[in-house]
Amino acid sequence: MKHLPIGFFISVFKRTFFAASTCTFALGGSMVGTVVGAMKGQTTETGFLRGAGIGAVAGAITAVQLLESLVDGESLSKVALLVSLVNGKVFIEWVSPAVLKAYQWQVSSNSVEPTYREISDIYDVNGAKGLSRHCIQRLPLHQFRSSDDIIIKSMEEPCCSICLQGLKEGEMGRNLPRCGHSFHLNCIDEWLSRQGTCPMCREHVLNDASHQ
């Protein structure tokens, strides 16, 4: 029997590793999504079990999208993502807003069960890529104040939908120019480096001309 070329084994190893990584990311995202979804479901008409199910699906899809960004990203982006993976921060930053978005869709949808295609359309999976650092730094800064109109009009404590932490007095953030949503500075900068859309409404942050 002739010896198989080394390239064949390398190819098999790469495919196996990628498949295992995909399963691991999907499982991790699903676990985080299940917890966030269940907690959210308890406080809404969705219910605990259904909330956990929606969160699991949304979390798995978002985690797989994260893996694709890690594979296709630049070297510096890969390093940043790997560091975030070690402390688990990146799962929270990506999965939590995805689960929240799933609830917004769930409330207005009459379908019985969410499907991969429907949720993919909502999250723009494989859609807009991240913005350059130059484009992100050009977005307007905002210092949160208790007298802000957005806080006065809100029925509850303002919260950054990426990290799910409150927007505290005097903290710096960014306002997205097209939709007006505000987030913590570090949270939205990391998000926009991977996605060029608002994490809440999926509105494109910049028009096509602004990317050039």
N, C-alpha and C. Protein backbone atom coordinates (compact mmCIF):
# COMPACT_ATOMS: atom_id res chain seq x y z
N MET A 1 0.84 -1.19 0.00
CA MET A 1 0.00 0.00 0.00
C MET A 1 0.88 1.25 0.00
N LYS A 2 0.59 2.13 -0.92
CA LYS A 2 1.39 3.34 -1.03
C LYS A 2 1.10 4.29 0.13
N HIS A 3 2.13 5.01 0.51
CA HIS A 3 1.96 5.98 1.59
C HIS A 3 1.17 7.18 1.08
N LEU A 4 0.22 7.62 1.92
CA LEU A 4 -0.56 8.81 1.56
C LEU A 4 0.29 10.05 1.75
N PRO A 5 0.14 11.05 0.90
CA PRO A 5 0.92 12.29 1.04
C PRO A 5 0.60 13.03 2.33
N ILE A 6 1.61 13.74 2.85
CA ILE A 6 1.43 14.49 4.09
C ILE A 6 0.34 15.54 3.94
N GLY A 7 0.25 16.12 2.73
CA GLY A 7 -0.77 17.14 2.50
C GLY A 7 -2.18 16.64 2.75
N PHE A 8 -2.40 15.34 2.47
CA PHE A 8 -3.72 14.76 2.69
C PHE A 8 -4.07 14.77 4.18
N PHE A 9 -3.12 14.37 5.02
CA PHE A 9 -3.36 14.33 6.45
C PHE A 9 -3.55 15.74 7.02
N ILE A 10 -2.79 16.70 6.48
CA ILE A 10 -2.93 18.09 6.92
C ILE A 10 -4.32 18.61 6.59
N SER A 11 -4.78 18.28 5.37
CA SER A 11 -6.11 18.71 4.95
C SER A 11 -7.19 18.11 5.83
N VAL A 12 -7.06 16.81 6.13
CA VAL A 12 -8.03 16.13 6.99
C VAL A 12 -8.01 16.73 8.39
N PHE A 13 -6.81 17.02 8.88
CA PHE A 13 -6.68 17.60 10.22
C PHE A 13 -7.35 18.97 10.29
N LYS A 14 -7.12 19.79 9.26
CA LYS A 14 -7.71 21.13 9.24
C LYS A 14 -9.23 21.07 9.24
N ARG A 15 -9.75 20.17 8.41
CA ARG A 15 -11.21 20.04 8.34
C ARG A 15 -11.79 19.54 9.65
N THR A 16 -11.11 18.57 10.25
CA THR A 16 -11.56 18.03 11.53
C THR A 16 -11.51 19.08 12.62
N PHE A 17 -10.42 19.84 12.62
CA PHE A 17 -10.26 20.89 13.63
C PHE A 17 -11.32 21.97 13.48
N PHE A 18 -11.59 22.37 12.23
CA PHE A 18 -12.61 23.39 11.99
C PHE A 18 -13.99 22.90 12.40
N ALA A 19 -14.28 21.62 12.09
CA ALA A 19 -15.58 21.05 12.47
C ALA A 19 -15.72 21.01 13.99
N ALA A 20 -14.65 20.60 14.67
CA ALA A 20 -14.69 20.54 16.13
C ALA A 20 -14.83 21.94 16.73
N SER A 21 -14.14 22.92 16.14
CA SER A 21 -14.23 24.29 16.61
C SER A 21 -15.64 24.84 16.42
N THR A 22 -16.24 24.52 15.28
CA THR A 22 -17.61 24.98 15.01
C THR A 22 -18.57 24.43 16.05
N CYS A 23 -18.43 23.13 16.35
CA CYS A 23 -19.29 22.51 17.36
C CYS A 23 -19.07 23.13 18.73
N THR A 24 -17.80 23.40 19.06
CA THR A 24 -17.48 23.99 20.36
C THR A 24 -18.05 25.39 20.48
N PHE A 25 -17.88 26.19 19.43
CA PHE A 25 -18.41 27.55 19.45
C PHE A 25 -19.93 27.54 19.53
N ALA A 26 -20.55 26.66 18.74
CA ALA A 26 -22.02 26.58 18.75
C ALA A 26 -22.52 26.16 20.12
N LEU A 27 -21.84 25.20 20.75
CA LEU A 27 -22.24 24.75 22.08
C LEU A 27 -22.07 25.86 23.11
N GLY A 28 -20.91 26.56 23.04
CA GLY A 28 -20.68 27.65 23.98
C GLY A 28 -21.70 28.77 23.82
N GLY A 29 -21.95 29.16 22.57
CA GLY A 29 -22.94 30.20 22.32
C GLY A 29 -24.33 29.78 22.73
N SER A 30 -24.65 28.50 22.50
CA SER A 30 -25.96 27.97 22.88
C SER A 30 -26.14 28.00 24.39
N MET A 31 -25.09 27.66 25.13
CA MET A 31 -25.17 27.65 26.59
C MET A 31 -25.39 29.05 27.14
N VAL A 32 -24.61 30.01 26.62
CA VAL A 32 -24.78 31.40 27.06
C VAL A 32 -26.16 31.91 26.67
N GLY A 33 -26.58 31.61 25.43
CA GLY A 33 -27.89 32.04 24.97
C GLY A 33 -29.02 31.43 25.77
N THR A 34 -28.86 30.17 26.17
CA THR A 34 -29.89 29.51 26.98
C THR A 34 -30.08 30.21 28.31
N VAL A 35 -28.96 30.55 28.97
CA VAL A 35 -29.04 31.22 30.27
C VAL A 35 -29.68 32.61 30.13
N VAL A 36 -29.16 33.39 29.15
CA VAL A 36 -29.71 34.74 28.95
C VAL A 36 -31.17 34.67 28.53
N GLY A 37 -31.50 33.73 27.64
CA GLY A 37 -32.87 33.59 27.18
C GLY A 37 -33.83 33.17 28.28
N ALA A 38 -33.39 32.24 29.12
CA ALA A 38 -34.23 31.78 30.22
C ALA A 38 -34.51 32.90 31.20
N MET A 39 -33.47 33.69 31.51
CA MET A 39 -33.65 34.81 32.43
C MET A 39 -34.61 35.84 31.86
N LYS A 40 -34.46 36.11 30.56
CA LYS A 40 -35.34 37.06 29.91
C LYS A 40 -36.76 36.51 29.82
N GLY A 41 -36.87 35.21 29.56
CA GLY A 41 -38.18 34.60 29.41
C GLY A 41 -39.01 34.63 30.68
N GLN A 42 -38.33 34.59 31.83
CA GLN A 42 -39.04 34.63 33.10
C GLN A 42 -39.77 35.94 33.32
N THR A 43 -39.26 37.00 32.72
CA THR A 43 -39.83 38.33 32.94
C THR A 43 -40.75 38.77 31.81
N THR A 44 -40.99 37.90 30.84
CA THR A 44 -41.86 38.24 29.71
C THR A 44 -42.89 37.13 29.51
N GLU A 45 -43.80 37.38 28.59
CA GLU A 45 -44.83 36.39 28.29
C GLU A 45 -44.28 35.19 27.54
N THR A 46 -43.03 35.26 27.11
CA THR A 46 -42.43 34.15 26.38
C THR A 46 -42.32 32.90 27.23
N GLY A 47 -41.98 33.07 28.49
CA GLY A 47 -41.86 31.92 29.39
C GLY A 47 -40.44 31.41 29.49
N PHE A 48 -40.17 30.70 30.59
CA PHE A 48 -38.82 30.22 30.89
C PHE A 48 -38.30 29.27 29.82
N LEU A 49 -39.06 28.20 29.50
CA LEU A 49 -38.58 27.18 28.57
C LEU A 49 -38.46 27.71 27.15
N ARG A 50 -39.46 28.44 26.71
CA ARG A 50 -39.41 28.99 25.35
C ARG A 50 -38.30 30.02 25.23
N GLY A 51 -38.12 30.80 26.28
CA GLY A 51 -37.03 31.78 26.29
C GLY A 51 -35.68 31.12 26.18
N ALA A 52 -35.51 29.99 26.89
CA ALA A 52 -34.25 29.26 26.82
C ALA A 52 -34.03 28.71 25.41
N GLY A 53 -35.09 28.25 24.77
CA GLY A 53 -34.98 27.71 23.41
C GLY A 53 -34.57 28.76 22.40
N ILE A 54 -35.23 29.92 22.48
CA ILE A 54 -34.89 31.02 21.57
C ILE A 54 -33.45 31.47 21.79
N GLY A 55 -33.08 31.58 23.05
CA GLY A 55 -31.71 31.99 23.37
C GLY A 55 -30.67 31.01 22.87
N ALA A 56 -30.99 29.71 22.97
CA ALA A 56 -30.05 28.68 22.52
C ALA A 56 -29.81 28.76 21.02
N VAL A 57 -30.89 28.93 20.25
CA VAL A 57 -30.75 29.02 18.79
C VAL A 57 -29.98 30.28 18.40
N ALA A 58 -30.39 31.41 18.98
CA ALA A 58 -29.72 32.67 18.66
C ALA A 58 -28.25 32.64 19.06
N GLY A 59 -27.97 32.06 20.22
CA GLY A 59 -26.59 31.99 20.69
C GLY A 59 -25.72 31.13 19.82
N ALA A 60 -26.25 29.99 19.36
CA ALA A 60 -25.47 29.09 18.51
C ALA A 60 -25.13 29.74 17.17
N ILE A 61 -26.12 30.40 16.56
CA ILE A 61 -25.89 31.06 15.28
C ILE A 61 -24.86 32.18 15.42
N THR A 62 -25.00 32.97 16.47
CA THR A 62 -24.08 34.09 16.68
C THR A 62 -22.66 33.60 16.93
N ALA A 63 -22.52 32.49 17.69
CA ALA A 63 -21.20 31.96 17.98
C ALA A 63 -20.51 31.43 16.71
N VAL A 64 -21.28 30.79 15.83
CA VAL A 64 -20.71 30.31 14.57
C VAL A 64 -20.27 31.49 13.71
N GLN A 65 -21.05 32.57 13.73
CA GLN A 65 -20.67 33.78 13.00
C GLN A 65 -19.37 34.34 13.58
N LEU A 66 -19.23 34.26 14.89
CA LEU A 66 -18.00 34.72 15.53
C LEU A 66 -16.80 33.91 15.07
N LEU A 67 -16.97 32.60 14.96
CA LEU A 67 -15.89 31.74 14.49
C LEU A 67 -15.46 32.11 13.08
N GLU A 68 -16.44 32.40 12.21
CA GLU A 68 -16.12 32.78 10.84
C GLU A 68 -15.32 34.09 10.81
N SER A 69 -15.68 35.01 11.71
CA SER A 69 -14.93 36.27 11.79
C SER A 69 -13.50 36.02 12.25
N LEU A 70 -13.35 35.06 13.16
CA LEU A 70 -12.02 34.73 13.65
C LEU A 70 -11.15 34.13 12.55
N VAL A 71 -11.76 33.28 11.72
CA VAL A 71 -11.02 32.63 10.64
C VAL A 71 -10.65 33.61 9.54
N ASP A 72 -11.62 34.49 9.18
CA ASP A 72 -11.40 35.40 8.05
C ASP A 72 -10.76 36.72 8.44
N GLY A 73 -10.64 37.00 9.73
CA GLY A 73 -10.17 38.30 10.18
C GLY A 73 -8.67 38.49 9.99
N GLU A 74 -8.24 39.74 10.21
CA GLU A 74 -6.82 40.05 10.13
C GLU A 74 -6.09 39.54 11.36
N SER A 75 -4.78 39.51 11.30
CA SER A 75 -3.98 38.95 12.39
C SER A 75 -4.26 39.63 13.72
N LEU A 76 -4.27 40.98 13.72
CA LEU A 76 -4.50 41.71 14.95
C LEU A 76 -5.90 41.43 15.50
N SER A 77 -6.88 41.32 14.62
CA SER A 77 -8.24 41.03 15.05
C SER A 77 -8.32 39.63 15.66
N LYS A 78 -7.58 38.68 15.06
CA LYS A 78 -7.57 37.32 15.57
C LYS A 78 -7.00 37.29 16.99
N VAL A 79 -5.93 38.03 17.20
CA VAL A 79 -5.32 38.06 18.53
C VAL A 79 -6.29 38.63 19.55
N ALA A 80 -6.97 39.72 19.18
CA ALA A 80 -7.93 40.35 20.10
C ALA A 80 -9.08 39.39 20.43
N LEU A 81 -9.55 38.67 19.40
CA LEU A 81 -10.64 37.73 19.63
C LEU A 81 -10.19 36.57 20.51
N LEU A 82 -8.99 36.08 20.28
CA LEU A 82 -8.49 34.96 21.09
C LEU A 82 -8.35 35.36 22.56
N VAL A 83 -7.88 36.58 22.80
CA VAL A 83 -7.76 37.07 24.18
C VAL A 83 -9.14 37.16 24.82
N SER A 84 -10.13 37.64 24.06
CA SER A 84 -11.49 37.75 24.59
C SER A 84 -12.09 36.37 24.83
N LEU A 85 -11.72 35.39 23.99
CA LEU A 85 -12.25 34.03 24.17
C LEU A 85 -11.75 33.42 25.48
N VAL A 86 -10.51 33.73 25.84
CA VAL A 86 -9.93 33.16 27.06
C VAL A 86 -10.73 33.55 28.29
N ASN A 87 -11.15 34.82 28.36
CA ASN A 87 -11.90 35.26 29.54
C ASN A 87 -13.42 35.19 29.34
N GLY A 88 -13.87 34.71 28.17
CA GLY A 88 -15.30 34.52 27.94
C GLY A 88 -16.06 35.79 27.61
N LYS A 89 -15.37 36.91 27.57
CA LYS A 89 -16.02 38.20 27.35
C LYS A 89 -16.68 38.27 25.98
N VAL A 90 -16.03 37.68 24.98
CA VAL A 90 -16.52 37.82 23.62
C VAL A 90 -17.87 37.13 23.43
N PHE A 91 -18.11 36.00 24.13
CA PHE A 91 -19.39 35.33 24.02
C PHE A 91 -20.51 36.22 24.55
N ILE A 92 -20.26 36.88 25.69
CA ILE A 92 -21.27 37.75 26.27
C ILE A 92 -21.56 38.92 25.36
N GLU A 93 -20.49 39.51 24.79
CA GLU A 93 -20.66 40.70 23.95
C GLU A 93 -21.42 40.39 22.66
N TRP A 94 -21.26 39.18 22.14
CA TRP A 94 -21.92 38.82 20.88
C TRP A 94 -23.27 38.18 21.10
N VAL A 95 -23.37 37.27 22.07
CA VAL A 95 -24.59 36.48 22.23
C VAL A 95 -25.71 37.28 22.89
N SER A 96 -25.39 38.07 23.91
CA SER A 96 -26.44 38.79 24.64
C SER A 96 -27.28 39.70 23.75
N PRO A 97 -26.67 40.58 22.93
CA PRO A 97 -27.50 41.41 22.06
C PRO A 97 -28.27 40.60 21.02
N ALA A 98 -27.71 39.47 20.60
CA ALA A 98 -28.41 38.62 19.64
C ALA A 98 -29.67 38.04 20.26
N VAL A 99 -29.57 37.62 21.52
CA VAL A 99 -30.74 37.08 22.21
C VAL A 99 -31.79 38.16 22.42
N LEU A 100 -31.35 39.35 22.80
CA LEU A 100 -32.29 40.46 22.98
C LEU A 100 -33.01 40.77 21.68
N LYS A 101 -32.26 40.74 20.57
CA LYS A 101 -32.86 41.00 19.27
C LYS A 101 -33.86 39.91 18.92
N ALA A 102 -33.57 38.68 19.32
CA ALA A 102 -34.48 37.58 19.06
C ALA A 102 -35.81 37.80 19.76
N TYR A 103 -35.78 38.38 20.95
CA TYR A 103 -37.02 38.66 21.67
C TYR A 103 -37.83 39.75 21.00
N GLN A 104 -37.14 40.77 20.49
CA GLN A 104 -37.86 41.81 19.77
C GLN A 104 -38.58 41.23 18.58
N TRP A 105 -37.93 40.29 17.89
CA TRP A 105 -38.55 39.64 16.75
C TRP A 105 -39.68 38.72 17.18
N GLN A 106 -39.47 38.00 18.31
CA GLN A 106 -40.44 37.03 18.79
C GLN A 106 -41.76 37.69 19.14
N VAL A 107 -41.69 38.86 19.75
CA VAL A 107 -42.91 39.55 20.16
C VAL A 107 -43.78 39.91 18.98
N SER A 108 -43.15 40.30 17.86
CA SER A 108 -43.91 40.75 16.70
C SER A 108 -44.15 39.64 15.67
N SER A 109 -43.66 38.45 15.94
CA SER A 109 -43.80 37.36 14.98
C SER A 109 -44.93 36.43 15.38
N ASN A 110 -45.62 35.91 14.39
CA ASN A 110 -46.71 34.97 14.66
C ASN A 110 -46.29 33.52 14.46
N SER A 111 -45.06 33.29 14.03
CA SER A 111 -44.60 31.93 13.80
C SER A 111 -44.44 31.19 15.11
N VAL A 112 -44.55 29.85 15.06
CA VAL A 112 -44.51 29.04 16.26
C VAL A 112 -43.08 28.81 16.72
N GLU A 113 -42.20 28.49 15.81
CA GLU A 113 -40.81 28.22 16.16
C GLU A 113 -39.87 29.02 15.26
N PRO A 114 -38.83 29.61 15.83
CA PRO A 114 -37.85 30.33 15.00
C PRO A 114 -37.02 29.36 14.18
N THR A 115 -36.68 29.73 12.96
CA THR A 115 -35.88 28.88 12.10
C THR A 115 -34.52 29.51 11.88
N TYR A 116 -33.58 28.72 11.41
CA TYR A 116 -32.24 29.22 11.15
C TYR A 116 -32.28 30.33 10.12
N ARG A 117 -33.05 30.15 9.05
CA ARG A 117 -33.11 31.15 7.99
C ARG A 117 -33.69 32.47 8.51
N GLU A 118 -34.75 32.39 9.33
CA GLU A 118 -35.39 33.60 9.83
C GLU A 118 -34.45 34.37 10.75
N ILE A 119 -33.78 33.66 11.65
CA ILE A 119 -32.88 34.33 12.58
C ILE A 119 -31.65 34.85 11.84
N SER A 120 -31.19 34.12 10.83
CA SER A 120 -30.05 34.59 10.03
C SER A 120 -30.38 35.90 9.35
N ASP A 121 -31.63 36.04 8.85
CA ASP A 121 -32.04 37.28 8.21
C ASP A 121 -32.04 38.42 9.21
N ILE A 122 -32.46 38.13 10.44
CA ILE A 122 -32.53 39.18 11.47
C ILE A 122 -31.14 39.66 11.84
N TYR A 123 -30.20 38.74 12.03
CA TYR A 123 -28.87 39.10 12.49
C TYR A 123 -27.91 39.42 11.37
N ASP A 124 -28.40 39.33 10.13
CA ASP A 124 -27.54 39.65 8.99
C ASP A 124 -26.29 38.79 8.99
N VAL A 125 -26.47 37.47 9.29
CA VAL A 125 -25.34 36.54 9.29
C VAL A 125 -24.71 36.52 7.91
N ASN A 126 -23.40 36.54 7.87
CA ASN A 126 -22.64 36.60 6.61
C ASN A 126 -22.90 37.89 5.85
N GLY A 127 -23.37 38.91 6.55
CA GLY A 127 -23.69 40.17 5.90
C GLY A 127 -22.55 41.16 6.02
N ALA A 128 -22.88 42.37 6.52
CA ALA A 128 -21.92 43.46 6.55
C ALA A 128 -20.69 43.11 7.39
N LYS A 129 -19.52 43.47 6.88
CA LYS A 129 -18.28 43.25 7.60
C LYS A 129 -18.00 44.44 8.51
N GLY A 130 -16.96 44.30 9.34
CA GLY A 130 -16.66 45.35 10.28
C GLY A 130 -16.10 46.61 9.62
N LEU A 131 -16.10 47.69 10.40
CA LEU A 131 -15.60 48.97 9.91
C LEU A 131 -14.12 49.11 10.26
N SER A 132 -13.44 49.95 9.52
CA SER A 132 -12.04 50.22 9.81
C SER A 132 -11.95 51.08 11.07
N ARG A 133 -10.78 51.05 11.71
CA ARG A 133 -10.58 51.85 12.92
C ARG A 133 -10.79 53.34 12.63
N HIS A 134 -10.38 53.78 11.44
CA HIS A 134 -10.55 55.18 11.07
C HIS A 134 -12.02 55.56 11.02
N CYS A 135 -12.85 54.72 10.43
CA CYS A 135 -14.29 55.00 10.33
C CYS A 135 -14.94 55.01 11.72
N ILE A 136 -14.53 54.07 12.57
CA ILE A 136 -15.11 54.00 13.91
C ILE A 136 -14.78 55.26 14.71
N GLN A 137 -13.54 55.72 14.63
CA GLN A 137 -13.12 56.89 15.40
C GLN A 137 -13.79 58.18 14.94
N ARG A 138 -14.33 58.17 13.73
CA ARG A 138 -15.02 59.35 13.21
C ARG A 138 -16.46 59.45 13.73
N LEU A 139 -16.98 58.40 14.34
CA LEU A 139 -18.34 58.43 14.86
C LEU A 139 -18.41 59.32 16.09
N PRO A 140 -19.54 60.02 16.30
CA PRO A 140 -19.63 60.98 17.40
C PRO A 140 -19.56 60.34 18.78
N LEU A 141 -18.82 60.99 19.68
CA LEU A 141 -18.73 60.58 21.07
C LEU A 141 -19.87 61.23 21.87
N HIS A 142 -20.19 60.61 22.99
CA HIS A 142 -21.28 61.13 23.82
C HIS A 142 -20.99 60.80 25.27
N GLN A 143 -21.14 61.79 26.16
CA GLN A 143 -20.97 61.55 27.59
C GLN A 143 -22.36 61.48 28.23
N PHE A 144 -22.64 60.35 28.85
CA PHE A 144 -23.98 60.12 29.39
C PHE A 144 -24.24 61.02 30.59
N ARG A 145 -25.40 61.67 30.54
CA ARG A 145 -25.86 62.53 31.62
C ARG A 145 -27.28 62.17 31.99
N SER A 146 -27.64 62.31 33.25
CA SER A 146 -29.00 61.99 33.69
C SER A 146 -30.02 62.94 33.08
N SER A 147 -29.56 64.06 32.55
CA SER A 147 -30.47 65.04 31.95
C SER A 147 -30.70 64.78 30.46
N ASP A 148 -30.04 63.76 29.90
CA ASP A 148 -30.19 63.47 28.47
C ASP A 148 -31.63 63.12 28.15
N ASP A 149 -32.07 63.54 26.97
CA ASP A 149 -33.45 63.25 26.55
C ASP A 149 -33.71 61.76 26.48
N ILE A 150 -32.69 60.99 26.01
CA ILE A 150 -32.88 59.56 25.85
C ILE A 150 -33.11 58.87 27.19
N ILE A 151 -32.52 59.42 28.27
CA ILE A 151 -32.69 58.85 29.59
C ILE A 151 -33.99 59.31 30.21
N ILE A 152 -34.36 60.58 30.00
CA ILE A 152 -35.59 61.11 30.55
C ILE A 152 -36.80 60.39 29.97
N LYS A 153 -36.77 60.11 28.66
CA LYS A 153 -37.89 59.47 28.00
C LYS A 153 -37.97 57.98 28.27
N SER A 154 -36.89 57.36 28.73
CA SER A 154 -36.87 55.92 28.94
C SER A 154 -37.68 55.56 30.17
N MET A 155 -38.40 54.44 30.09
CA MET A 155 -39.22 53.97 31.20
C MET A 155 -38.41 53.18 32.21
N GLU A 156 -37.20 52.82 31.90
CA GLU A 156 -36.35 52.07 32.80
C GLU A 156 -34.92 52.57 32.69
N GLU A 157 -34.06 52.06 33.60
CA GLU A 157 -32.66 52.51 33.62
C GLU A 157 -32.00 52.22 32.27
N PRO A 158 -31.32 53.22 31.68
CA PRO A 158 -30.67 53.00 30.39
C PRO A 158 -29.60 51.93 30.49
N CYS A 159 -29.49 51.13 29.45
CA CYS A 159 -28.59 49.98 29.48
C CYS A 159 -27.91 49.82 28.13
N CYS A 160 -26.63 49.50 28.16
CA CYS A 160 -25.90 49.17 26.93
C CYS A 160 -26.31 47.76 26.52
N SER A 161 -26.89 47.60 25.35
CA SER A 161 -27.41 46.30 24.93
C SER A 161 -26.32 45.31 24.56
N ILE A 162 -25.07 45.75 24.52
CA ILE A 162 -23.97 44.84 24.19
C ILE A 162 -23.47 44.13 25.45
N CYS A 163 -23.18 44.88 26.50
CA CYS A 163 -22.67 44.28 27.73
C CYS A 163 -23.76 44.09 28.78
N LEU A 164 -24.96 44.67 28.51
CA LEU A 164 -26.11 44.58 29.43
C LEU A 164 -25.85 45.27 30.76
N GLN A 165 -24.91 46.21 30.77
CA GLN A 165 -24.62 46.99 31.97
C GLN A 165 -25.22 48.38 31.83
N GLY A 166 -25.56 49.01 32.95
CA GLY A 166 -26.16 50.33 32.94
C GLY A 166 -25.22 51.40 32.40
N LEU A 167 -25.82 52.43 31.81
CA LEU A 167 -25.04 53.58 31.33
C LEU A 167 -24.94 54.58 32.48
N LYS A 168 -23.77 54.66 33.08
CA LYS A 168 -23.59 55.45 34.29
C LYS A 168 -23.30 56.92 33.97
N GLU A 169 -23.59 57.75 34.93
CA GLU A 169 -23.36 59.19 34.81
C GLU A 169 -21.89 59.49 34.50
N GLY A 170 -21.67 60.24 33.42
CA GLY A 170 -20.32 60.66 33.07
C GLY A 170 -19.55 59.69 32.20
N GLU A 171 -20.07 58.49 31.96
CA GLU A 171 -19.37 57.53 31.11
C GLU A 171 -19.39 57.98 29.66
N MET A 172 -18.33 57.61 28.93
CA MET A 172 -18.25 57.95 27.52
C MET A 172 -18.86 56.84 26.67
N GLY A 173 -19.54 57.26 25.62
CA GLY A 173 -20.12 56.30 24.70
C GLY A 173 -20.14 56.86 23.29
N ARG A 174 -20.76 56.13 22.40
CA ARG A 174 -20.93 56.60 21.02
C ARG A 174 -22.40 56.55 20.64
N ASN A 175 -22.82 57.57 19.89
CA ASN A 175 -24.14 57.57 19.28
C ASN A 175 -24.00 57.17 17.81
N LEU A 176 -24.73 56.17 17.40
CA LEU A 176 -24.70 55.79 15.98
C LEU A 176 -25.53 56.80 15.20
N PRO A 177 -24.95 57.41 14.18
CA PRO A 177 -25.58 58.56 13.51
C PRO A 177 -26.89 58.26 12.80
N ARG A 178 -27.06 57.07 12.26
CA ARG A 178 -28.24 56.81 11.44
C ARG A 178 -29.45 56.36 12.26
N CYS A 179 -29.21 55.64 13.37
CA CYS A 179 -30.34 55.16 14.18
C CYS A 179 -30.45 55.84 15.53
N GLY A 180 -29.36 56.48 15.99
CA GLY A 180 -29.39 57.21 17.25
C GLY A 180 -29.17 56.37 18.50
N HIS A 181 -28.93 55.07 18.37
CA HIS A 181 -28.71 54.23 19.55
C HIS A 181 -27.34 54.50 20.15
N SER A 182 -27.26 54.41 21.48
CA SER A 182 -26.03 54.71 22.21
C SER A 182 -25.51 53.48 22.94
N PHE A 183 -24.19 53.40 23.04
CA PHE A 183 -23.55 52.26 23.69
C PHE A 183 -22.28 52.73 24.39
N HIS A 184 -21.77 51.90 25.30
CA HIS A 184 -20.47 52.18 25.89
C HIS A 184 -19.42 52.28 24.79
N LEU A 185 -18.45 53.14 24.99
CA LEU A 185 -17.43 53.39 23.97
C LEU A 185 -16.69 52.11 23.58
N ASN A 186 -16.16 51.40 24.58
CA ASN A 186 -15.38 50.19 24.28
C ASN A 186 -16.25 49.10 23.68
N CYS A 187 -17.48 48.99 24.16
CA CYS A 187 -18.38 47.94 23.68
C CYS A 187 -18.68 48.13 22.19
N ILE A 188 -19.10 49.33 21.81
CA ILE A 188 -19.51 49.55 20.42
C ILE A 188 -18.30 49.56 19.49
N ASP A 189 -17.15 50.03 19.97
CA ASP A 189 -15.96 50.01 19.12
C ASP A 189 -15.55 48.58 18.76
N GLU A 190 -15.60 47.68 19.75
CA GLU A 190 -15.26 46.28 19.48
C GLU A 190 -16.29 45.64 18.55
N TRP A 191 -17.56 45.98 18.77
CA TRP A 191 -18.63 45.42 17.91
C TRP A 191 -18.45 45.87 16.46
N LEU A 192 -18.23 47.17 16.28
CA LEU A 192 -18.13 47.71 14.92
C LEU A 192 -16.88 47.24 14.19
N SER A 193 -15.87 46.80 14.93
CA SER A 193 -14.68 46.25 14.27
C SER A 193 -14.99 44.92 13.61
N ARG A 194 -16.12 44.30 13.99
CA ARG A 194 -16.51 43.02 13.40
C ARG A 194 -17.80 43.10 12.60
N GLN A 195 -18.66 44.06 12.94
CA GLN A 195 -19.94 44.21 12.24
C GLN A 195 -20.19 45.69 11.97
N GLY A 196 -20.65 46.00 10.76
CA GLY A 196 -20.90 47.39 10.39
C GLY A 196 -22.34 47.82 10.59
N THR A 197 -23.07 47.08 11.44
CA THR A 197 -24.47 47.41 11.69
C THR A 197 -24.71 47.60 13.18
N CYS A 198 -25.79 48.31 13.52
CA CYS A 198 -26.16 48.52 14.92
C CYS A 198 -26.55 47.19 15.54
N PRO A 199 -26.06 46.86 16.74
CA PRO A 199 -26.40 45.58 17.38
C PRO A 199 -27.85 45.50 17.82
N MET A 200 -28.55 46.62 17.86
CA MET A 200 -29.95 46.61 18.28
C MET A 200 -30.93 46.51 17.12
N CYS A 201 -30.77 47.39 16.14
CA CYS A 201 -31.74 47.46 15.04
C CYS A 201 -31.20 46.96 13.72
N ARG A 202 -29.89 46.64 13.65
CA ARG A 202 -29.22 46.15 12.45
C ARG A 202 -29.15 47.18 11.33
N GLU A 203 -29.40 48.43 11.64
CA GLU A 203 -29.24 49.51 10.65
C GLU A 203 -27.75 49.66 10.35
N HIS A 204 -27.43 49.82 9.06
CA HIS A 204 -26.03 50.04 8.69
C HIS A 204 -25.54 51.36 9.28
N VAL A 205 -24.40 51.32 9.93
CA VAL A 205 -23.88 52.51 10.60
C VAL A 205 -23.50 53.58 9.60
N LEU A 206 -22.88 53.19 8.50
CA LEU A 206 -22.45 54.13 7.47
C LEU A 206 -23.02 53.71 6.13
N ASN A 207 -23.22 54.69 5.25
CA ASN A 207 -23.63 54.32 3.89
C ASN A 207 -22.42 53.85 3.12
N ASP A 208 -22.65 53.30 1.94
CA ASP A 208 -21.56 52.72 1.15
C ASP A 208 -20.45 53.71 0.84
N ALA A 209 -20.85 54.96 0.60
CA ALA A 209 -19.86 55.98 0.24
C ALA A 209 -18.92 56.29 1.39
N SER A 210 -19.42 56.12 2.63
CA SER A 210 -18.61 56.46 3.79
C SER A 210 -17.53 55.46 4.05
N HIS A 211 -17.62 54.27 3.46
CA HIS A 211 -16.61 53.24 3.67
C HIS A 211 -15.36 53.52 2.86
N GLN A 212 -15.47 54.33 1.87
CA GLN A 212 -14.37 54.55 0.96
C GLN A 212 -13.51 55.73 1.40
